[in-house]
C-alpha atoms as a PDB file:
ATOM      1  CA  MET A   1       0.000   0.000   0.000  1.00  0.00           C
ATOM      2  CA  THR A   2       1.329   3.459  -0.885  1.00  0.00           C
ATOM      3  CA  ARG A   3       1.844   5.781   2.046  1.00  0.00           C
ATOM      4  CA  LYS A   4       0.047   9.105   1.868  1.00  0.00           C
ATOM      5  CA  PRO A   5       2.053  12.263   2.576  1.00  0.00           C
ATOM      6  CA  ASP A   6       1.756  13.751   6.056  1.00  0.00           C
ATOM      7  CA  THR A   7       0.879  17.167   4.633  1.00  0.00           C
ATOM      8  CA  PRO A   8      -1.301  18.217   1.685  1.00  0.00           C
ATOM      9  CA  LEU A   9       0.498  18.255  -1.638  1.00  0.00           C
ATOM     10  CA  ARG A  10       1.089  21.727  -3.019  1.00  0.00           C
ATOM     11  CA  ARG A  11      -0.318  22.471  -6.465  1.00  0.00           C
ATOM     12  CA  GLY A  12       1.627  24.412  -9.085  1.00  0.00           C
ATOM     13  CA  TRP A  13       1.201  26.257 -12.364  1.00  0.00           C
ATOM     14  CA  THR A  14       1.422  25.074 -15.961  1.00  0.00           C
ATOM     15  CA  THR A  15       3.880  26.458 -18.484  1.00  0.00           C
ATOM     16  CA  GLY A  16       0.874  28.049 -20.197  1.00  0.00           C
ATOM     17  CA  ALA A  17      -0.086  29.945 -17.042  1.00  0.00           C
ATOM     18  CA  CYS A  18       3.513  31.071 -16.545  1.00  0.00           C
ATOM     19  CA  ALA A  19       3.734  32.257 -20.162  1.00  0.00           C
ATOM     20  CA  THR A  20       0.509  34.210 -19.713  1.00  0.00           C
ATOM     21  CA  ALA A  21       1.814  35.921 -16.582  1.00  0.00           C
ATOM     22  CA  ALA A  22       5.072  36.727 -18.377  1.00  0.00           C
ATOM     23  CA  THR A  23       3.091  38.140 -21.318  1.00  0.00           C
ATOM     24  CA  ARG A  24       1.130  40.437 -19.007  1.00  0.00           C
ATOM     25  CA  ALA A  25       4.315  41.734 -17.396  1.00  0.00           C
ATOM     26  CA  ALA A  26       6.004  42.217 -20.776  1.00  0.00           C
ATOM     27  CA  LEU A  27       3.018  44.169 -22.105  1.00  0.00           C
ATOM     28  CA  SER A  28       3.108  46.406 -19.027  1.00  0.00           C
ATOM     29  CA  LEU A  29       6.703  47.232 -19.879  1.00  0.00           C
ATOM     30  CA  LEU A  30       6.032  47.698 -23.608  1.00  0.00           C
ATOM     31  CA  TRP A  31       2.950  49.851 -23.087  1.00  0.00           C
ATOM     32  CA  GLY A  32       4.399  52.226 -20.528  1.00  0.00           C
ATOM     33  CA  GLU A  33       3.322  50.859 -17.149  1.00  0.00           C
ATOM     34  CA  GLY A  34       6.892  49.986 -16.247  1.00  0.00           C
ATOM     35  CA  ALA A  35       8.594  46.858 -14.942  1.00  0.00           C
ATOM     36  CA  VAL A  36       6.102  45.272 -12.583  1.00  0.00           C
ATOM     37  CA  ARG A  37       7.313  42.772 -10.000  1.00  0.00           C
ATOM     38  CA  ARG A  38       4.100  40.814  -9.598  1.00  0.00           C
ATOM     39  CA  VAL A  39       1.098  40.179 -11.840  1.00  0.00           C
ATOM     40  CA  ARG A  40      -2.297  38.576 -11.486  1.00  0.00           C
ATOM     41  CA  ILE A  41      -3.904  36.537 -14.281  1.00  0.00           C
ATOM     42  CA  THR A  42      -7.267  34.848 -14.736  1.00  0.00           C
ATOM     43  CA  LEU A  43      -7.239  31.103 -15.399  1.00  0.00           C
ATOM     44  CA  PRO A  44      -9.854  29.298 -17.527  1.00  0.00           C
ATOM     45  CA  ARG A  45     -11.888  28.248 -14.472  1.00  0.00           C
ATOM     46  CA  GLY A  46     -11.871  31.710 -12.925  1.00  0.00           C
ATOM     47  CA  GLU A  47      -8.975  31.409 -10.451  1.00  0.00           C
ATOM     48  CA  THR A  48      -6.814  34.532 -10.218  1.00  0.00           C
ATOM     49  CA  PRO A  49      -3.314  33.582  -8.997  1.00  0.00           C
ATOM     50  CA  GLU A  50      -0.407  35.998  -8.711  1.00  0.00           C
ATOM     51  CA  PHE A  51       3.058  35.389 -10.164  1.00  0.00           C
ATOM     52  CA  ASP A  52       6.420  36.899  -9.282  1.00  0.00           C
ATOM     53  CA  ILE A  53       8.282  38.333 -12.249  1.00  0.00           C
ATOM     54  CA  ALA A  54      11.916  37.221 -12.226  1.00  0.00           C
ATOM     55  CA  HIS A  55      13.187  38.816 -15.438  1.00  0.00           C
ATOM     56  CA  HIS A  56      12.670  42.020 -17.449  1.00  0.00           C
ATOM     57  CA  ALA A  57      14.291  43.345 -20.638  1.00  0.00           C
ATOM     58  CA  SER A  58      13.270  45.779 -23.365  1.00  0.00           C
ATOM     59  CA  GLY A  59      14.391  47.445 -26.551  1.00  0.00           C
ATOM     60  CA  GLU A  60      13.041  49.408 -29.484  1.00  0.00           C
ATOM     61  CA  GLY A  61       9.494  48.125 -30.082  1.00  0.00           C
ATOM     62  CA  TRP A  62       9.756  45.078 -27.815  1.00  0.00           C
ATOM     63  CA  ALA A  63       9.795  44.008 -24.183  1.00  0.00           C
ATOM     64  CA  GLU A  64      10.055  40.704 -22.367  1.00  0.00           C
ATOM     65  CA  ALA A  65       9.452  39.251 -18.944  1.00  0.00           C
ATOM     66  CA  GLY A  66      10.078  35.902 -17.316  1.00  0.00           C
ATOM     67  CA  VAL A  67       8.439  33.726 -14.661  1.00  0.00           C
ATOM     68  CA  ILE A  68      10.157  30.833 -12.897  1.00  0.00           C
ATOM     69  CA  LYS A  69       7.811  27.889 -13.109  1.00  0.00           C
ATOM     70  CA  ASP A  70       6.634  26.447  -9.815  1.00  0.00           C
ATOM     71  CA  ALA A  71       5.104  23.000 -10.376  1.00  0.00           C
ATOM     72  CA  GLY A  72       4.266  22.610  -6.700  1.00  0.00           C
ATOM     73  CA  ASP A  73       4.882  19.079  -5.456  1.00  0.00           C
ATOM     74  CA  ASP A  74       4.478  17.536  -8.912  1.00  0.00           C
ATOM     75  CA  PRO A  75       7.597  15.839 -10.384  1.00  0.00           C
ATOM     76  CA  ASP A  76       7.511  18.062 -13.480  1.00  0.00           C
ATOM     77  CA  VAL A  77      10.656  18.350 -15.639  1.00  0.00           C
ATOM     78  CA  THR A  78       9.991  22.062 -16.158  1.00  0.00           C
ATOM     79  CA  HIS A  79       9.854  22.876 -12.445  1.00  0.00           C
ATOM     80  CA  GLY A  80      12.274  25.756 -11.845  1.00  0.00           C
ATOM     81  CA  ALA A  81      12.584  26.635 -15.547  1.00  0.00           C
ATOM     82  CA  MET A  82      12.343  30.248 -16.660  1.00  0.00           C
ATOM     83  CA  ILE A  83       9.344  30.849 -18.964  1.00  0.00           C
ATOM     84  CA  ILE A  84       9.951  34.009 -20.986  1.00  0.00           C
ATOM     85  CA  ALA A  85       7.472  35.913 -23.137  1.00  0.00           C
ATOM     86  CA  ARG A  86       8.753  38.589 -25.508  1.00  0.00           C
ATOM     87  CA  VAL A  87       6.129  40.920 -26.981  1.00  0.00           C
ATOM     88  CA  ALA A  88       6.635  43.131 -30.010  1.00  0.00           C
ATOM     89  CA  ARG A  89       4.387  45.450 -31.989  1.00  0.00           C
ATOM     90  CA  SER A  90       3.037  43.668 -35.048  1.00  0.00           C
ATOM     91  CA  ALA A  91       0.093  43.679 -37.435  1.00  0.00           C
ATOM     92  CA  GLY A  92      -2.833  41.349 -37.933  1.00  0.00           C
ATOM     93  CA  GLY A  93      -3.762  40.372 -34.391  1.00  0.00           C
ATOM     94  CA  VAL A  94      -1.830  38.137 -32.012  1.00  0.00           C
ATOM     95  CA  VAL A  95       0.911  36.015 -33.606  1.00  0.00           C
ATOM     96  CA  PHE A  96       2.820  33.307 -31.728  1.00  0.00           C
ATOM     97  CA  ARG A  97       6.479  32.414 -32.238  1.00  0.00           C
ATOM     98  CA  ALA A  98       8.678  29.719 -30.711  1.00  0.00           C
ATOM     99  CA  GLY A  99      11.809  31.069 -29.091  1.00  0.00           C
ATOM    100  CA  GLU A 100      14.726  29.203 -27.541  1.00  0.00           C
ATOM    101  CA  GLY A 101      13.697  25.883 -25.991  1.00  0.00           C
ATOM    102  CA  VAL A 102      10.157  25.804 -27.402  1.00  0.00           C
ATOM    103  CA  GLY A 103       9.454  23.236 -30.095  1.00  0.00           C
ATOM    104  CA  HIS A 104       7.534  23.163 -33.349  1.00  0.00           C
ATOM    105  CA  VAL A 105       4.824  20.694 -34.341  1.00  0.00           C
ATOM    106  CA  THR A 106       5.945  18.465 -37.224  1.00  0.00           C
ATOM    107  CA  MET A 107       3.243  15.778 -37.372  1.00  0.00           C
ATOM    108  CA  PRO A 108      -0.555  15.790 -37.708  1.00  0.00           C
ATOM    109  CA  GLY A 109      -2.879  14.715 -34.926  1.00  0.00           C
ATOM    110  CA  LEU A 110      -2.088  17.330 -32.292  1.00  0.00           C
ATOM    111  CA  PRO A 111      -4.439  20.248 -31.548  1.00  0.00           C
ATOM    112  CA  ILE A 112      -1.888  22.556 -33.221  1.00  0.00           C
ATOM    113  CA  PRO A 113      -1.169  21.951 -36.940  1.00  0.00           C
ATOM    114  CA  PRO A 114       2.293  21.071 -38.303  1.00  0.00           C
ATOM    115  CA  GLY A 115       4.607  24.029 -38.724  1.00  0.00           C
ATOM    116  CA  GLU A 116       3.212  25.928 -35.760  1.00  0.00           C
ATOM    117  CA  PRO A 117       5.000  26.641 -32.467  1.00  0.00           C
ATOM    118  CA  ALA A 118       4.143  24.000 -29.858  1.00  0.00           C
ATOM    119  CA  ILE A 119       1.966  26.356 -27.840  1.00  0.00           C
ATOM    120  CA  ASN A 120      -1.315  24.628 -27.094  1.00  0.00           C
ATOM    121  CA  PRO A 121      -4.758  26.171 -27.693  1.00  0.00           C
ATOM    122  CA  VAL A 122      -5.658  27.064 -24.097  1.00  0.00           C
ATOM    123  CA  PRO A 123      -2.362  28.887 -23.379  1.00  0.00           C
ATOM    124  CA  ARG A 124      -2.847  30.749 -26.676  1.00  0.00           C
ATOM    125  CA  GLN A 125      -6.348  31.734 -25.630  1.00  0.00           C
ATOM    126  CA  MET A 126      -5.097  32.919 -22.229  1.00  0.00           C
ATOM    127  CA  MET A 127      -2.375  35.058 -23.797  1.00  0.00           C
ATOM    128  CA  GLU A 128      -4.762  36.439 -26.434  1.00  0.00           C
ATOM    129  CA  ALA A 129      -7.243  37.376 -23.697  1.00  0.00           C
ATOM    130  CA  THR A 130      -4.454  39.126 -21.786  1.00  0.00           C
ATOM    131  CA  VAL A 131      -3.480  41.148 -24.872  1.00  0.00           C
ATOM    132  CA  SER A 132      -7.111  42.095 -25.537  1.00  0.00           C
ATOM    133  CA  ASP A 133      -7.791  43.087 -21.935  1.00  0.00           C
ATOM    134  CA  MET A 134      -4.672  45.212 -21.553  1.00  0.00           C
ATOM    135  CA  ALA A 135      -4.961  46.792 -25.012  1.00  0.00           C
ATOM    136  CA  GLU A 136      -8.488  47.940 -24.253  1.00  0.00           C
ATOM    137  CA  ARG A 137      -7.515  49.277 -20.830  1.00  0.00           C
ATOM    138  CA  LEU A 138      -4.422  51.113 -22.075  1.00  0.00           C
ATOM    139  CA  CYS A 139      -5.867  52.185 -25.465  1.00  0.00           C
ATOM    140  CA  GLU A 140      -3.193  50.246 -27.359  1.00  0.00           C
ATOM    141  CA  SER A 141      -3.361  48.202 -30.553  1.00  0.00           C
ATOM    142  CA  PRO A 142      -3.902  44.470 -29.857  1.00  0.00           C
ATOM    143  CA  ASP A 143      -1.614  43.568 -32.779  1.00  0.00           C
ATOM    144  CA  ILE A 144       1.188  41.799 -30.927  1.00  0.00           C
ATOM    145  CA  GLU A 145       3.770  39.130 -31.703  1.00  0.00           C
ATOM    146  CA  ILE A 146       4.431  36.873 -28.697  1.00  0.00           C
ATOM    147  CA  THR A 147       7.605  34.790 -28.634  1.00  0.00           C
ATOM    148  CA  VAL A 148       7.721  32.216 -25.845  1.00  0.00           C
ATOM    149  CA  SER A 149      11.130  30.884 -24.770  1.00  0.00           C
ATOM    150  CA  VAL A 150      12.387  28.427 -22.176  1.00  0.00           C
ATOM    151  CA  PRO A 151      16.179  28.622 -21.792  1.00  0.00           C
ATOM    152  CA  GLY A 152      17.463  25.061 -21.640  1.00  0.00           C
ATOM    153  CA  GLY A 153      14.151  23.759 -22.909  1.00  0.00           C
ATOM    154  CA  ALA A 154      15.658  21.650 -25.693  1.00  0.00           C
ATOM    155  CA  SER A 155      17.562  19.635 -23.097  1.00  0.00           C
ATOM    156  CA  LEU A 156      14.495  19.317 -20.844  1.00  0.00           C
ATOM    157  CA  ALA A 157      12.426  18.118 -23.811  1.00  0.00           C
ATOM    158  CA  GLN A 158      14.610  15.038 -24.061  1.00  0.00           C
ATOM    159  CA  LYS A 159      13.046  13.909 -20.762  1.00  0.00           C
ATOM    160  CA  THR A 160       9.525  14.155 -22.212  1.00  0.00           C
ATOM    161  CA  TRP A 161       7.565  12.306 -24.919  1.00  0.00           C
ATOM    162  CA  ASN A 162       7.679  15.267 -27.312  1.00  0.00           C
ATOM    163  CA  SER A 163       9.819  13.617 -29.980  1.00  0.00           C
ATOM    164  CA  ARG A 164       7.309  10.772 -30.313  1.00  0.00           C
ATOM    165  CA  LEU A 165       4.503  13.271 -30.714  1.00  0.00           C
ATOM    166  CA  GLY A 166       6.367  15.025 -33.509  1.00  0.00           C
ATOM    167  CA  ILE A 167       7.340  18.069 -31.452  1.00  0.00           C
ATOM    168  CA  LYS A 168      10.881  18.960 -32.417  1.00  0.00           C
ATOM    169  CA  GLY A 169      13.388  21.400 -31.003  1.00  0.00           C
ATOM    170  CA  GLY A 170      12.058  21.917 -27.512  1.00  0.00           C
ATOM    171  CA  LEU A 171       9.185  21.841 -25.070  1.00  0.00           C
ATOM    172  CA  SER A 172       5.458  22.310 -25.464  1.00  0.00           C
ATOM    173  CA  ILE A 173       3.679  25.172 -23.726  1.00  0.00           C
ATOM    174  CA  LEU A 174       0.865  23.248 -22.080  1.00  0.00           C
ATOM    175  CA  GLY A 175      -2.139  23.502 -19.836  1.00  0.00           C
ATOM    176  CA  THR A 176      -5.919  23.320 -19.973  1.00  0.00           C
ATOM    177  CA  THR A 177      -6.716  24.735 -16.520  1.00  0.00           C
ATOM    178  CA  GLY A 178      -3.462  26.569 -15.737  1.00  0.00           C
ATOM    179  CA  ILE A 179      -3.014  24.417 -12.635  1.00  0.00           C
ATOM    180  CA  VAL A 180      -0.639  21.488 -12.077  1.00  0.00           C
ATOM    181  CA  ARG A 181      -2.216  19.078  -9.611  1.00  0.00           C
ATOM    182  CA  PRO A 182       0.460  17.126  -7.734  1.00  0.00           C
ATOM    183  CA  PHE A 183       1.134  13.566  -8.805  1.00  0.00           C
ATOM    184  CA  SER A 184      -1.914  13.584 -11.032  1.00  0.00           C
ATOM    185  CA  CYS A 185      -2.281  10.804 -13.581  1.00  0.00           C
ATOM    186  CA  ALA A 186      -4.009  13.255 -15.900  1.00  0.00           C
ATOM    187  CA  ALA A 187      -0.865  14.531 -17.625  1.00  0.00           C
ATOM    188  CA  TRP A 188       0.369  11.030 -18.422  1.00  0.00           C
ATOM    189  CA  ILE A 189      -3.006   9.905 -19.736  1.00  0.00           C
ATOM    190  CA  ALA A 190      -3.304  13.098 -21.783  1.00  0.00           C
ATOM    191  CA  SER A 191       0.044  12.264 -23.400  1.00  0.00           C
ATOM    192  CA  ILE A 192      -1.257   8.775 -24.237  1.00  0.00           C
ATOM    193  CA  HIS A 193      -4.275  10.371 -25.902  1.00  0.00           C
ATOM    194  CA  ARG A 194      -2.106  12.757 -27.918  1.00  0.00           C
ATOM    195  CA  GLY A 195       0.077   9.826 -28.968  1.00  0.00           C
ATOM    196  CA  ILE A 196      -3.002   8.054 -30.338  1.00  0.00           C
ATOM    197  CA  ASP A 197      -4.071  11.240 -32.118  1.00  0.00           C
ATOM    198  CA  VAL A 198      -0.658  11.540 -33.754  1.00  0.00           C
ATOM    199  CA  ALA A 199      -0.683   7.878 -34.801  1.00  0.00           C
ATOM    200  CA  ARG A 200      -4.100   8.308 -36.405  1.00  0.00           C
ATOM    201  CA  GLY A 201      -3.112  11.578 -38.035  1.00  0.00           C
ATOM    202  CA  SER A 202      -0.006   9.955 -39.459  1.00  0.00           C
ATOM    203  CA  GLY A 203      -1.970   7.074 -40.954  1.00  0.00           C
ATOM    204  CA  LEU A 204      -0.383   4.366 -38.812  1.00  0.00           C
ATOM    205  CA  THR A 205      -2.178   1.023 -38.785  1.00  0.00           C
ATOM    206  CA  HIS A 206      -0.266  -0.659 -35.945  1.00  0.00           C
ATOM    207  CA  VAL A 207       0.531   0.820 -32.531  1.00  0.00           C
ATOM    208  CA  ALA A 208       1.806  -0.654 -29.281  1.00  0.00           C
ATOM    209  CA  GLY A 209       1.366   0.085 -25.595  1.00  0.00           C
ATOM    210  CA  CYS A 210       3.924  -1.318 -23.173  1.00  0.00           C
ATOM    211  CA  THR A 211       4.311  -1.342 -19.417  1.00  0.00           C
ATOM    212  CA  GLY A 212       7.968  -0.287 -19.341  1.00  0.00           C
ATOM    213  CA  ALA A 213      11.181   0.387 -21.232  1.00  0.00           C
ATOM    214  CA  THR A 214      12.248  -3.254 -21.575  1.00  0.00           C
ATOM    215  CA  SER A 215       8.953  -4.484 -22.992  1.00  0.00           C
ATOM    216  CA  GLU A 216       8.830  -1.444 -25.264  1.00  0.00           C
ATOM    217  CA  ARG A 217      12.260  -2.249 -26.687  1.00  0.00           C
ATOM    218  CA  VAL A 218      11.259  -5.881 -27.261  1.00  0.00           C
ATOM    219  CA  VAL A 219       7.936  -5.063 -28.939  1.00  0.00           C
ATOM    220  CA  GLN A 220       9.341  -2.281 -31.092  1.00  0.00           C
ATOM    221  CA  GLY A 221      12.106  -4.578 -32.331  1.00  0.00           C
ATOM    222  CA  LEU A 222       9.707  -7.471 -32.839  1.00  0.00           C
ATOM    223  CA  TYR A 223       7.520  -5.508 -35.260  1.00  0.00           C
ATOM    224  CA  ASP A 224       9.972  -2.837 -36.450  1.00  0.00           C
ATOM    225  CA  LEU A 225       7.594  -0.089 -35.347  1.00  0.00           C
ATOM    226  CA  PRO A 226       8.501   3.609 -35.630  1.00  0.00           C
ATOM    227  CA  ASP A 227       8.877   5.650 -32.457  1.00  0.00           C
ATOM    228  CA  HIS A 228       5.546   7.419 -32.876  1.00  0.00           C
ATOM    229  CA  ALA A 229       3.765   4.053 -32.942  1.00  0.00           C
ATOM    230  CA  MET A 230       4.944   3.383 -29.373  1.00  0.00           C
ATOM    231  CA  LEU A 231       2.299   4.705 -26.981  1.00  0.00           C
ATOM    232  CA  ASP A 232       3.600   5.472 -23.484  1.00  0.00           C
ATOM    233  CA  MET A 233       1.073   3.289 -21.690  1.00  0.00           C
ATOM    234  CA  GLY A 234       3.031   2.489 -18.524  1.00  0.00           C
ATOM    235  CA  ASP A 235       0.580   1.489 -15.806  1.00  0.00           C
ATOM    236  CA  PHE A 236      -2.377   3.183 -17.492  1.00  0.00           C
ATOM    237  CA  ALA A 237      -3.812   0.367 -19.594  1.00  0.00           C
ATOM    238  CA  GLY A 238      -7.336   1.624 -18.954  1.00  0.00           C
ATOM    239  CA  GLY A 239      -6.501   5.153 -20.057  1.00  0.00           C
ATOM    240  CA  LEU A 240      -5.087   3.845 -23.317  1.00  0.00           C
ATOM    241  CA  LEU A 241      -7.868   1.355 -24.040  1.00  0.00           C
ATOM    242  CA  LYS A 242     -10.737   3.711 -23.237  1.00  0.00           C
ATOM    243  CA  TYR A 243      -9.398   6.294 -25.672  1.00  0.00           C
ATOM    244  CA  LEU A 244      -8.681   3.690 -28.347  1.00  0.00           C
ATOM    245  CA  ALA A 245     -12.238   2.406 -27.953  1.00  0.00           C
ATOM    246  CA  LYS A 246     -13.474   5.807 -29.152  1.00  0.00           C
ATOM    247  CA  HIS A 247     -10.591   6.455 -31.581  1.00  0.00           C
ATOM    248  CA  PRO A 248      -9.659   2.990 -32.851  1.00  0.00           C
ATOM    249  CA  LEU A 249      -6.694   1.949 -34.948  1.00  0.00           C
ATOM    250  CA  PRO A 250      -6.555  -1.288 -36.963  1.00  0.00           C
ATOM    251  CA  ARG A 251      -4.002  -3.109 -34.820  1.00  0.00           C
ATOM    252  CA  LEU A 252      -2.765  -2.912 -31.225  1.00  0.00           C
ATOM    253  CA  THR A 253       0.014  -4.794 -29.466  1.00  0.00           C
ATOM    254  CA  ILE A 254       0.158  -4.788 -25.669  1.00  0.00           C
ATOM    255  CA  GLY A 255       3.476  -5.801 -24.154  1.00  0.00           C
ATOM    256  CA  GLY A 256       4.769  -6.054 -20.639  1.00  0.00           C
ATOM    257  CA  GLY A 257       6.495  -7.939 -17.893  1.00  0.00           C
ATOM    258  CA  ILE A 258       4.597 -10.837 -16.440  1.00  0.00           C
ATOM    259  CA  GLY A 259       4.039  -9.033 -13.125  1.00  0.00           C
ATOM    260  CA  LYS A 260       2.048  -6.241 -14.774  1.00  0.00           C
ATOM    261  CA  MET A 261       0.448  -8.406 -17.429  1.00  0.00           C
ATOM    262  CA  VAL A 262      -0.993 -10.897 -14.940  1.00  0.00           C
ATOM    263  CA  LYS A 263      -2.914  -8.019 -13.346  1.00  0.00           C
ATOM    264  CA  LEU A 264      -4.250  -7.006 -16.762  1.00  0.00           C
ATOM    265  CA  ALA A 265      -5.202 -10.651 -17.354  1.00  0.00           C
ATOM    266  CA  GLN A 266      -7.153 -10.583 -14.082  1.00  0.00           C
ATOM    267  CA  GLY A 267      -9.072  -7.482 -15.118  1.00  0.00           C
ATOM    268  CA  ALA A 268      -7.039  -4.595 -13.629  1.00  0.00           C
ATOM    269  CA  ARG A 269      -6.922  -1.398 -15.679  1.00  0.00           C
ATOM    270  CA  ASP A 270      -4.440   0.502 -13.523  1.00  0.00           C
ATOM    271  CA  LEU A 271      -1.347  -1.683 -13.217  1.00  0.00           C
ATOM    272  CA  HIS A 272       0.498   0.363 -10.589  1.00  0.00           C
ATOM    273  CA  SER A 273       1.665  -1.688  -7.607  1.00  0.00           C
ATOM    274  CA  GLY A 274      -0.033   0.697  -5.197  1.00  0.00           C
ATOM    275  CA  ARG A 275      -3.387   0.559  -6.964  1.00  0.00           C
ATOM    276  CA  SER A 276      -3.794  -3.081  -8.030  1.00  0.00           C
ATOM    277  CA  GLN A 277      -2.517  -6.416  -6.772  1.00  0.00           C
ATOM    278  CA  VAL A 278      -2.162  -9.926  -8.157  1.00  0.00           C
ATOM    279  CA  ASP A 279      -4.953 -12.229  -7.013  1.00  0.00           C
ATOM    280  CA  PHE A 280      -2.909 -15.325  -6.171  1.00  0.00           C
ATOM    281  CA  GLN A 281      -5.950 -17.361  -5.160  1.00  0.00           C
ATOM    282  CA  GLY A 282      -7.554 -16.553  -8.499  1.00  0.00           C
ATOM    283  CA  LEU A 283      -4.348 -17.474 -10.280  1.00  0.00           C
ATOM    284  CA  ALA A 284      -4.214 -20.803  -8.447  1.00  0.00           C
ATOM    285  CA  ASP A 285      -7.794 -21.544  -9.429  1.00  0.00           C
ATOM    286  CA  ALA A 286      -7.314 -20.554 -13.061  1.00  0.00           C
ATOM    287  CA  LEU A 287      -4.208 -22.704 -13.512  1.00  0.00           C
ATOM    288  CA  ASP A 288      -5.366 -25.499 -11.217  1.00  0.00           C
ATOM    289  CA  LEU A 289      -2.183 -25.152  -9.166  1.00  0.00           C
ATOM    290  CA  PRO A 290      -3.243 -24.753  -5.507  1.00  0.00           C
ATOM    291  CA  ASN A 291       0.231 -23.834  -4.309  1.00  0.00           C
ATOM    292  CA  LEU A 292       0.125 -20.597  -6.307  1.00  0.00           C
ATOM    293  CA  LYS A 293      -2.048 -19.059  -3.612  1.00  0.00           C
ATOM    294  CA  TYR A 294       0.972 -19.091  -1.282  1.00  0.00           C
ATOM    295  CA  MET A 295       3.209 -17.112  -3.636  1.00  0.00           C
ATOM    296  CA  ASN A 296       4.379 -13.620  -2.750  1.00  0.00           C
ATOM    297  CA  THR A 297       5.130 -12.234  -6.212  1.00  0.00           C
ATOM    298  CA  ALA A 298       4.111 -12.829  -9.813  1.00  0.00           C
ATOM    299  CA  LEU A 299       7.722 -13.670 -10.629  1.00  0.00           C
ATOM    300  CA  GLN A 300       7.754 -16.369  -7.956  1.00  0.00           C
ATOM    301  CA  ALA A 301       4.466 -17.714  -9.286  1.00  0.00           C
ATOM    302  CA  SER A 302       5.823 -17.705 -12.826  1.00  0.00           C
ATOM    303  CA  GLU A 303       8.938 -19.606 -11.823  1.00  0.00           C
ATOM    304  CA  PHE A 304       6.750 -22.186 -10.081  1.00  0.00           C
ATOM    305  CA  ALA A 305       4.101 -22.516 -12.799  1.00  0.00           C
ATOM    306  CA  GLY A 306       6.413 -22.221 -15.792  1.00  0.00           C
ATOM    307  CA  GLU A 307       5.289 -21.798 -19.397  1.00  0.00           C
ATOM    308  CA  ASN A 308       1.646 -22.532 -18.663  1.00  0.00           C
ATOM    309  CA  MET A 309       1.262 -19.390 -16.581  1.00  0.00           C
ATOM    310  CA  ALA A 310       2.896 -17.157 -19.218  1.00  0.00           C
ATOM    311  CA  LYS A 311       0.604 -18.566 -21.913  1.00  0.00           C
ATOM    312  CA  TRP A 312      -2.438 -18.073 -19.698  1.00  0.00           C
ATOM    313  CA  VAL A 313      -1.438 -14.466 -19.000  1.00  0.00           C
ATOM    314  CA  ALA A 314      -0.897 -13.729 -22.706  1.00  0.00           C
ATOM    315  CA  HIS A 315      -4.255 -15.148 -23.754  1.00  0.00           C
ATOM    316  CA  GLU A 316      -6.292 -13.786 -20.849  1.00  0.00           C
ATOM    317  CA  SER A 317      -4.825 -10.290 -21.127  1.00  0.00           C
ATOM    318  CA  ARG A 318      -5.591 -10.322 -24.856  1.00  0.00           C
ATOM    319  CA  ASP A 319      -9.190 -11.298 -24.119  1.00  0.00           C
ATOM    320  CA  LYS A 320      -9.526  -8.447 -21.612  1.00  0.00           C
ATOM    321  CA  VAL A 321      -8.146  -5.953 -24.143  1.00  0.00           C
ATOM    322  CA  LEU A 322     -10.416  -7.205 -26.923  1.00  0.00           C
ATOM    323  CA  ALA A 323     -13.422  -6.805 -24.634  1.00  0.00           C
ATOM    324  CA  MET A 324     -12.709  -3.064 -24.336  1.00  0.00           C
ATOM    325  CA  LEU A 325     -12.219  -2.361 -28.046  1.00  0.00           C
ATOM    326  CA  PRO A 326     -14.587  -2.235 -31.014  1.00  0.00           C
ATOM    327  CA  GLU A 327     -15.037  -5.324 -33.111  1.00  0.00           C
ATOM    328  CA  GLY A 328     -12.480  -5.585 -35.886  1.00  0.00           C
ATOM    329  CA  VAL A 329      -9.465  -4.229 -34.003  1.00  0.00           C
ATOM    330  CA  GLU A 330      -6.646  -6.754 -34.242  1.00  0.00           C
ATOM    331  CA  VAL A 331      -4.944  -7.358 -30.874  1.00  0.00           C
ATOM    332  CA  ASP A 332      -1.911  -9.323 -29.796  1.00  0.00           C
ATOM    333  CA  THR A 333      -0.022  -9.524 -26.526  1.00  0.00           C
ATOM    334  CA  VAL A 334       3.634 -10.097 -25.668  1.00  0.00           C
ATOM    335  CA  VAL A 335       4.708 -11.229 -22.186  1.00  0.00           C
ATOM    336  CA  ILE A 336       8.375 -10.936 -21.191  1.00  0.00           C
ATOM    337  CA  ASP A 337      10.618 -11.564 -18.212  1.00  0.00           C
ATOM    338  CA  ARG A 338      12.883  -8.998 -16.568  1.00  0.00           C
ATOM    339  CA  ALA A 339      15.708  -9.722 -18.992  1.00  0.00           C
ATOM    340  CA  GLY A 340      13.472  -9.056 -21.983  1.00  0.00           C
ATOM    341  CA  THR A 341      13.047 -12.692 -23.024  1.00  0.00           C
ATOM    342  CA  ILE A 342       9.655 -13.370 -24.577  1.00  0.00           C
ATOM    343  CA  LEU A 343       7.771 -15.861 -22.409  1.00  0.00           C
ATOM    344  CA  ALA A 344       4.532 -16.055 -24.381  1.00  0.00           C
ATOM    345  CA  ARG A 345       2.510 -14.362 -27.099  1.00  0.00           C
ATOM    346  CA  ALA A 346      -1.142 -14.442 -28.041  1.00  0.00           C
ATOM    347  CA  GLY A 347      -2.954 -13.208 -31.140  1.00  0.00           C
ATOM    348  CA  SER A 348      -1.565 -12.385 -34.556  1.00  0.00           C
ATOM    349  CA  GLN A 349       2.131 -13.026 -35.070  1.00  0.00           C
END
């Protein structure tokens, strides 16, 4: 059982919220209000947090400001990064540019089309609303070019799934609510969804979801799949399958170590060790091996039961996956050991 923290987890702010706060501070500098040290913004759900401004600079026709991202208690790779927005007088409304450390979209399927800076729709809307509000208040033209930068962002992006989603050169500016909720599964599941969108947009017919790096390497090599066909499922089998049920692809491979896959075979949708457990009594009954109920781990059970257990896991997990997907989707499963040796497969080969 996972131990809960002794104190409430502290929430943080998305890169989109930070970019919006930086945009407001930069506009204040550009439009004559001076270098403010703190700004307040309005988030999509009506919250009005304040942000400290850690950086100012200006020149002829432009100004910029920066906010240091605080992700709260969430293990976010961009925690502590400087999010900079540079604003410059332009023509034709609000235009977005990618500065240092912010990527570009190169593949279809994302909410931003290929060729555009990887600044998602809600952050764009927040920054556009900020420009409109301040322009009206200060009697300025709302024709502004906004360049968002994250120094060091290209290096940070290597720790994310951006390259698989076709985002090249840096980070995405993200957020739908402006708020990062600590240790939320939502961000991971959202990335799974975007991965499926990209696969569909790219015309892929075969994708794979794996429980970890070893099974991913085995499955990708087994079928010679491109990187963007590898969906970062991890423990979130349910999150992947529910989205695929509504946005199906012709073929799906599910791969994983026997410890995770036995839980999927027994009907679990969240495979995390703190949120689902192997039913050893059920395993003993299914395989007609009474001693399995005394096992402590799936690995121990596998070593005792041998090939029969691996085959059962492969076939049962495939059946559970098929039950969640529309008729006609081709499904196969691959079960491995810790060394990456394939123990059993079920379905098309």
